Amino acid sequence: MTAAALERDPAGTPPDDHGPWIFTFGMAHRLVVTSATHHQLGQLTGVGVPLSRRYVRMPGTREEARGEMMRLFGLHWACQYPDEESAGVTRHGLTELVLTP
């Protein structure tokens, strides 16, 4: 694999491309609320709420968006995609988890 290929996400989008990016969750991922995330995740109450079949839309470059996901969800997310179609939002019937600014 070339260095240029390593600079791209699996869907082939250049790393400096600004989002919004789509992040999905795995079947076993559950909400873990921290002081940093409480105000942004108000629509989901309670620790341990399943995140499967949900996705989050995150602005910024690929790395900025990943950084914000790590801040909000730690390692409790699955994949990053450049758009809803690549993430399978319609195909898999995913529901958007809207973050409060």
Protein backbone atom coordinates (compact mmCIF):
# COMPACT_ATOMS: atom_id res chain seq x y z
CA MET A 1 0.00 0.00 0.00
CA THR A 2 1.36 3.41 -0.92
CA ALA A 3 1.83 6.28 1.52
CA ALA A 4 -0.86 8.19 -0.37
CA ALA A 5 -3.31 5.32 0.13
CA LEU A 6 -2.59 5.29 3.86
CA GLU A 7 -3.50 8.99 3.97
CA ARG A 8 -7.05 8.14 2.91
CA ASP A 9 -9.97 6.64 4.79
CA PRO A 10 -11.39 3.28 3.60
CA ALA A 11 -13.82 5.03 1.26
CA GLY A 12 -10.94 6.82 -0.49
CA THR A 13 -11.70 10.35 0.70
CA PRO A 14 -8.67 12.66 1.09
CA PRO A 15 -7.87 13.41 4.76
CA ASP A 16 -8.27 17.18 4.36
CA ASP A 17 -11.84 16.85 3.09
CA HIS A 18 -14.26 18.66 5.36
CA GLY A 19 -17.34 16.82 6.52
CA PRO A 20 -19.83 16.37 7.65
CA TRP A 21 -18.62 12.87 8.43
CA ILE A 22 -20.89 10.00 9.39
CA PHE A 23 -19.94 7.80 12.37
CA THR A 24 -21.71 4.55 13.12
CA PHE A 25 -21.90 2.36 16.20
CA GLY A 26 -21.61 -1.39 16.67
CA MET A 27 -24.25 -3.72 18.08
CA ALA A 28 -22.53 -3.86 21.48
CA HIS A 29 -21.88 -0.12 21.84
CA ARG A 30 -23.74 1.56 24.67
CA LEU A 31 -23.92 5.15 25.80
CA VAL A 32 -21.38 6.19 28.40
CA VAL A 33 -22.23 9.70 29.64
CA THR A 34 -19.39 11.82 30.97
CA SER A 35 -19.31 15.42 32.14
CA ALA A 36 -18.01 16.34 28.68
CA THR A 37 -20.92 14.69 26.87
CA HIS A 38 -23.91 15.20 29.18
CA HIS A 39 -25.17 18.44 27.59
CA GLN A 40 -24.65 17.18 24.02
CA LEU A 41 -26.40 13.85 24.50
CA GLY A 42 -29.48 15.05 26.34
CA GLN A 43 -31.85 13.19 24.00
CA LEU A 44 -30.52 9.89 25.35
CA THR A 45 -30.95 9.54 29.06
CA GLY A 46 -29.29 6.91 31.15
CA VAL A 47 -26.02 5.11 31.01
CA GLY A 48 -26.00 1.95 28.96
CA VAL A 49 -28.54 3.03 26.32
CA PRO A 50 -27.83 0.95 23.17
CA LEU A 51 -26.26 2.92 20.31
CA SER A 52 -26.70 0.23 17.68
CA ARG A 53 -28.61 1.29 14.56
CA ARG A 54 -27.68 4.93 15.21
CA TYR A 55 -25.24 7.31 13.58
CA VAL A 56 -23.73 10.72 14.31
CA ARG A 57 -22.98 13.50 11.82
CA MET A 58 -19.75 15.34 12.67
CA PRO A 59 -18.27 18.42 10.92
CA GLY A 60 -14.59 19.14 10.33
CA THR A 61 -11.70 17.41 8.64
CA ARG A 62 -11.41 13.65 8.98
CA GLU A 63 -9.03 14.02 11.93
CA GLU A 64 -11.00 16.82 13.64
CA ALA A 65 -14.18 14.76 13.42
CA ARG A 66 -12.43 11.66 14.79
CA GLY A 67 -11.02 13.72 17.65
CA GLU A 68 -14.46 14.98 18.60
CA MET A 69 -15.89 11.45 18.46
CA MET A 70 -13.11 10.27 20.76
CA ARG A 71 -13.90 13.13 23.15
CA LEU A 72 -17.61 12.36 23.18
CA PHE A 73 -17.70 8.57 22.87
CA GLY A 74 -14.18 7.34 23.60
CA LEU A 75 -13.77 4.02 21.81
CA HIS A 76 -17.54 3.38 21.77
CA TRP A 77 -18.10 3.87 18.03
CA ALA A 78 -17.46 1.68 15.00
CA CYS A 79 -16.70 3.35 11.65
CA GLN A 80 -16.26 6.73 9.97
CA TYR A 81 -17.71 7.41 6.51
CA PRO A 82 -17.64 10.39 4.14
CA ASP A 83 -21.42 10.32 3.53
CA GLU A 84 -24.71 8.66 4.48
CA GLU A 85 -24.75 6.38 1.45
CA SER A 86 -21.33 4.91 2.27
CA ALA A 87 -22.44 4.42 5.88
CA GLY A 88 -25.59 2.59 4.77
CA VAL A 89 -27.93 4.93 6.65
CA THR A 90 -30.95 4.22 4.42
CA ARG A 91 -29.98 0.64 3.57
CA HIS A 92 -29.71 -0.33 7.26
CA GLY A 93 -32.44 1.99 8.60
CA LEU A 94 -30.08 3.92 10.90
CA THR A 95 -31.40 6.75 13.10
CA GLU A 96 -29.42 9.94 13.54
CA LEU A 97 -28.27 10.80 17.03
CA VAL A 98 -28.38 14.62 16.89
CA LEU A 99 -25.81 16.28 19.11
CA THR A 100 -26.68 19.52 20.87
CA PRO A 101 -24.02 22.21 20.35
